[in-house]
Amino acid sequence: MDVHVPLSLEAQAEAHLLMFSHTNILSSTIGDLISRPTQDMHIGLYILTSENRRGICANKYNTHNCRNFKNE
């Protein structure tokens, strides 16, 4: 696999301009979304923003993983 690295300042600026994530949300050909939130993304966002994380990671299958978890 080849890796291309922009060396000049002009090439770096062009790469930053073209490859920013906020510019690659919509497809340029049909205007449709390139990346849609999947179930994994929804679950991850829920876990990151939930108040009580202990109830999520400690269940009947993996209770030993959260023994030292401090619920703040």
N, C-alpha and C. Protein backbone atom coordinates (compact mmCIF):
# COMPACT_ATOMS: atom_id res chain seq x y z
N MET A 1 0.85 -1.16 0.00
CA MET A 1 0.00 0.00 0.00
C MET A 1 0.90 1.23 0.00
N ASP A 2 0.55 2.18 -0.83
CA ASP A 2 1.31 3.42 -0.92
C ASP A 2 0.73 4.46 0.03
N VAL A 3 1.63 5.27 0.57
CA VAL A 3 1.22 6.39 1.41
C VAL A 3 1.78 7.66 0.78
N HIS A 4 0.92 8.61 0.53
CA HIS A 4 1.33 9.87 -0.08
C HIS A 4 1.31 10.96 0.98
N VAL A 5 2.44 11.63 1.16
CA VAL A 5 2.56 12.69 2.16
C VAL A 5 2.82 14.00 1.44
N PRO A 6 1.96 15.00 1.66
CA PRO A 6 2.20 16.31 1.03
C PRO A 6 3.39 17.00 1.70
N LEU A 7 4.41 17.33 0.91
CA LEU A 7 5.64 17.88 1.46
C LEU A 7 5.65 19.41 1.49
N SER A 8 5.21 20.03 0.41
CA SER A 8 5.28 21.49 0.37
C SER A 8 4.14 22.10 1.19
N LEU A 9 4.30 23.35 1.58
CA LEU A 9 3.26 24.03 2.35
C LEU A 9 1.97 24.18 1.54
N GLU A 10 2.13 24.41 0.24
CA GLU A 10 0.95 24.53 -0.62
C GLU A 10 0.19 23.20 -0.69
N ALA A 11 0.93 22.10 -0.82
CA ALA A 11 0.29 20.78 -0.87
C ALA A 11 -0.36 20.44 0.46
N GLN A 12 0.27 20.83 1.57
CA GLN A 12 -0.31 20.57 2.89
C GLN A 12 -1.60 21.36 3.08
N ALA A 13 -1.59 22.61 2.65
CA ALA A 13 -2.79 23.45 2.78
C ALA A 13 -3.93 22.88 1.92
N GLU A 14 -3.60 22.43 0.71
CA GLU A 14 -4.62 21.84 -0.15
C GLU A 14 -5.17 20.55 0.45
N ALA A 15 -4.30 19.73 1.02
CA ALA A 15 -4.74 18.48 1.65
C ALA A 15 -5.65 18.76 2.84
N HIS A 16 -5.29 19.75 3.66
CA HIS A 16 -6.14 20.12 4.80
C HIS A 16 -7.49 20.62 4.32
N LEU A 17 -7.49 21.41 3.27
CA LEU A 17 -8.73 21.98 2.77
C LEU A 17 -9.65 20.90 2.20
N LEU A 18 -9.07 19.93 1.49
CA LEU A 18 -9.88 18.90 0.84
C LEU A 18 -10.25 17.74 1.75
N MET A 19 -9.45 17.49 2.78
CA MET A 19 -9.67 16.29 3.59
C MET A 19 -10.25 16.56 4.97
N PHE A 20 -10.66 17.77 5.27
CA PHE A 20 -11.33 18.03 6.54
C PHE A 20 -12.61 17.22 6.61
N SER A 21 -12.95 16.75 7.80
CA SER A 21 -14.13 15.91 7.94
C SER A 21 -15.42 16.68 7.66
N HIS A 22 -15.46 17.96 8.00
CA HIS A 22 -16.70 18.71 7.77
C HIS A 22 -16.95 18.97 6.29
N THR A 23 -15.94 18.83 5.44
CA THR A 23 -16.17 18.99 4.00
C THR A 23 -16.49 17.67 3.32
N ASN A 24 -16.34 16.56 4.02
CA ASN A 24 -16.59 15.25 3.42
C ASN A 24 -17.82 14.57 4.01
N ILE A 25 -18.81 15.35 4.41
CA ILE A 25 -20.04 14.78 4.95
C ILE A 25 -20.99 14.40 3.82
N LEU A 26 -21.06 15.23 2.80
CA LEU A 26 -21.96 14.97 1.67
C LEU A 26 -21.17 14.52 0.45
N SER A 27 -21.76 13.61 -0.31
CA SER A 27 -21.14 13.15 -1.55
C SER A 27 -21.26 14.25 -2.60
N SER A 28 -20.19 14.50 -3.31
CA SER A 28 -20.22 15.56 -4.32
C SER A 28 -21.00 15.15 -5.57
N THR A 29 -21.17 13.85 -5.80
CA THR A 29 -21.86 13.41 -7.01
C THR A 29 -23.37 13.50 -6.88
N ILE A 30 -23.93 12.99 -5.79
CA ILE A 30 -25.39 12.97 -5.66
C ILE A 30 -25.90 13.78 -4.48
N GLY A 31 -25.00 14.30 -3.65
CA GLY A 31 -25.41 15.12 -2.52
C GLY A 31 -25.96 14.33 -1.35
N ASP A 32 -25.76 13.02 -1.35
CA ASP A 32 -26.25 12.17 -0.27
C ASP A 32 -25.21 12.09 0.84
N LEU A 33 -25.64 11.72 2.03
CA LEU A 33 -24.71 11.57 3.15
C LEU A 33 -23.75 10.42 2.91
N ILE A 34 -22.48 10.64 3.24
CA ILE A 34 -21.48 9.59 3.10
C ILE A 34 -21.49 8.69 4.33
N SER A 35 -21.56 9.28 5.50
CA SER A 35 -21.53 8.51 6.74
C SER A 35 -22.83 8.74 7.50
N ARG A 36 -23.51 7.65 7.79
CA ARG A 36 -24.73 7.73 8.58
C ARG A 36 -24.49 7.10 9.94
N PRO A 37 -25.09 7.63 10.99
CA PRO A 37 -24.92 7.02 12.31
C PRO A 37 -25.51 5.61 12.32
N THR A 38 -24.72 4.65 12.78
CA THR A 38 -25.19 3.28 12.89
C THR A 38 -25.60 3.01 14.33
N GLN A 39 -26.06 1.80 14.57
CA GLN A 39 -26.48 1.44 15.92
C GLN A 39 -25.30 1.51 16.88
N ASP A 40 -24.10 1.12 16.43
CA ASP A 40 -22.92 1.19 17.28
C ASP A 40 -22.61 2.62 17.68
N MET A 41 -22.75 3.56 16.75
CA MET A 41 -22.50 4.96 17.07
C MET A 41 -23.51 5.48 18.08
N HIS A 42 -24.78 5.10 17.92
CA HIS A 42 -25.81 5.54 18.86
C HIS A 42 -25.54 5.00 20.26
N ILE A 43 -25.17 3.72 20.35
CA ILE A 43 -24.89 3.13 21.65
C ILE A 43 -23.67 3.80 22.28
N GLY A 44 -22.63 4.04 21.50
CA GLY A 44 -21.43 4.70 22.02
C GLY A 44 -21.71 6.10 22.52
N LEU A 45 -22.49 6.86 21.77
CA LEU A 45 -22.86 8.21 22.22
C LEU A 45 -23.71 8.17 23.47
N TYR A 46 -24.59 7.19 23.57
CA TYR A 46 -25.41 7.06 24.78
C TYR A 46 -24.53 6.77 25.99
N ILE A 47 -23.58 5.86 25.83
CA ILE A 47 -22.70 5.50 26.94
C ILE A 47 -21.84 6.70 27.35
N LEU A 48 -21.32 7.45 26.38
CA LEU A 48 -20.48 8.60 26.70
C LEU A 48 -21.25 9.71 27.41
N THR A 49 -22.53 9.83 27.12
CA THR A 49 -23.30 10.94 27.69
C THR A 49 -24.20 10.54 28.84
N SER A 50 -24.22 9.26 29.21
CA SER A 50 -25.12 8.84 30.29
C SER A 50 -24.53 9.19 31.64
N GLU A 51 -25.40 9.42 32.59
CA GLU A 51 -24.98 9.76 33.95
C GLU A 51 -24.50 8.52 34.70
N ASN A 52 -25.19 7.40 34.54
CA ASN A 52 -24.89 6.19 35.29
C ASN A 52 -24.25 5.16 34.35
N ARG A 53 -22.95 5.21 34.22
CA ARG A 53 -22.25 4.29 33.32
C ARG A 53 -22.09 2.90 33.91
N ARG A 54 -22.17 2.77 35.21
CA ARG A 54 -21.99 1.47 35.84
C ARG A 54 -23.08 0.49 35.42
N GLY A 55 -24.30 0.95 35.29
CA GLY A 55 -25.39 0.07 34.89
C GLY A 55 -25.26 -0.43 33.47
N ILE A 56 -24.48 0.26 32.65
CA ILE A 56 -24.31 -0.16 31.27
C ILE A 56 -23.26 -1.26 31.16
N CYS A 57 -22.13 -1.08 31.84
CA CYS A 57 -21.05 -2.05 31.66
C CYS A 57 -21.16 -3.24 32.61
N ALA A 58 -21.89 -3.12 33.69
CA ALA A 58 -22.03 -4.24 34.63
C ALA A 58 -23.36 -4.92 34.39
N ASN A 59 -23.30 -6.06 33.78
CA ASN A 59 -24.52 -6.84 33.59
C ASN A 59 -24.27 -8.27 34.04
N LYS A 60 -25.19 -9.15 33.81
CA LYS A 60 -25.04 -10.51 34.32
C LYS A 60 -23.93 -11.28 33.62
N TYR A 61 -23.45 -10.79 32.48
CA TYR A 61 -22.41 -11.51 31.75
C TYR A 61 -21.00 -11.03 32.09
N ASN A 62 -20.82 -9.77 32.42
CA ASN A 62 -19.47 -9.27 32.70
C ASN A 62 -19.45 -8.37 33.94
N THR A 63 -19.87 -8.86 35.05
CA THR A 63 -19.90 -8.05 36.27
C THR A 63 -18.51 -7.80 36.82
N HIS A 64 -17.54 -8.65 36.52
CA HIS A 64 -16.19 -8.47 37.05
C HIS A 64 -15.46 -7.30 36.41
N ASN A 65 -15.90 -6.80 35.27
CA ASN A 65 -15.21 -5.70 34.59
C ASN A 65 -15.40 -4.36 35.29
N CYS A 66 -16.43 -4.20 36.10
CA CYS A 66 -16.75 -2.90 36.67
C CYS A 66 -16.60 -2.87 38.18
N ARG A 67 -15.82 -3.74 38.76
CA ARG A 67 -15.68 -3.76 40.22
C ARG A 67 -15.05 -2.48 40.76
N ASN A 68 -14.05 -1.96 40.07
CA ASN A 68 -13.34 -0.78 40.56
C ASN A 68 -13.86 0.51 39.93
N PHE A 69 -14.98 0.46 39.27
CA PHE A 69 -15.53 1.63 38.60
C PHE A 69 -16.16 2.56 39.62
N LYS A 70 -15.74 3.82 39.61
CA LYS A 70 -16.29 4.81 40.53
C LYS A 70 -17.41 5.55 39.83
N ASN A 71 -18.59 5.42 40.34
CA ASN A 71 -19.74 6.11 39.77
C ASN A 71 -19.85 7.50 40.39
N GLU A 72 -19.48 8.52 39.63
CA GLU A 72 -19.45 9.88 40.17
C GLU A 72 -20.76 10.58 39.92
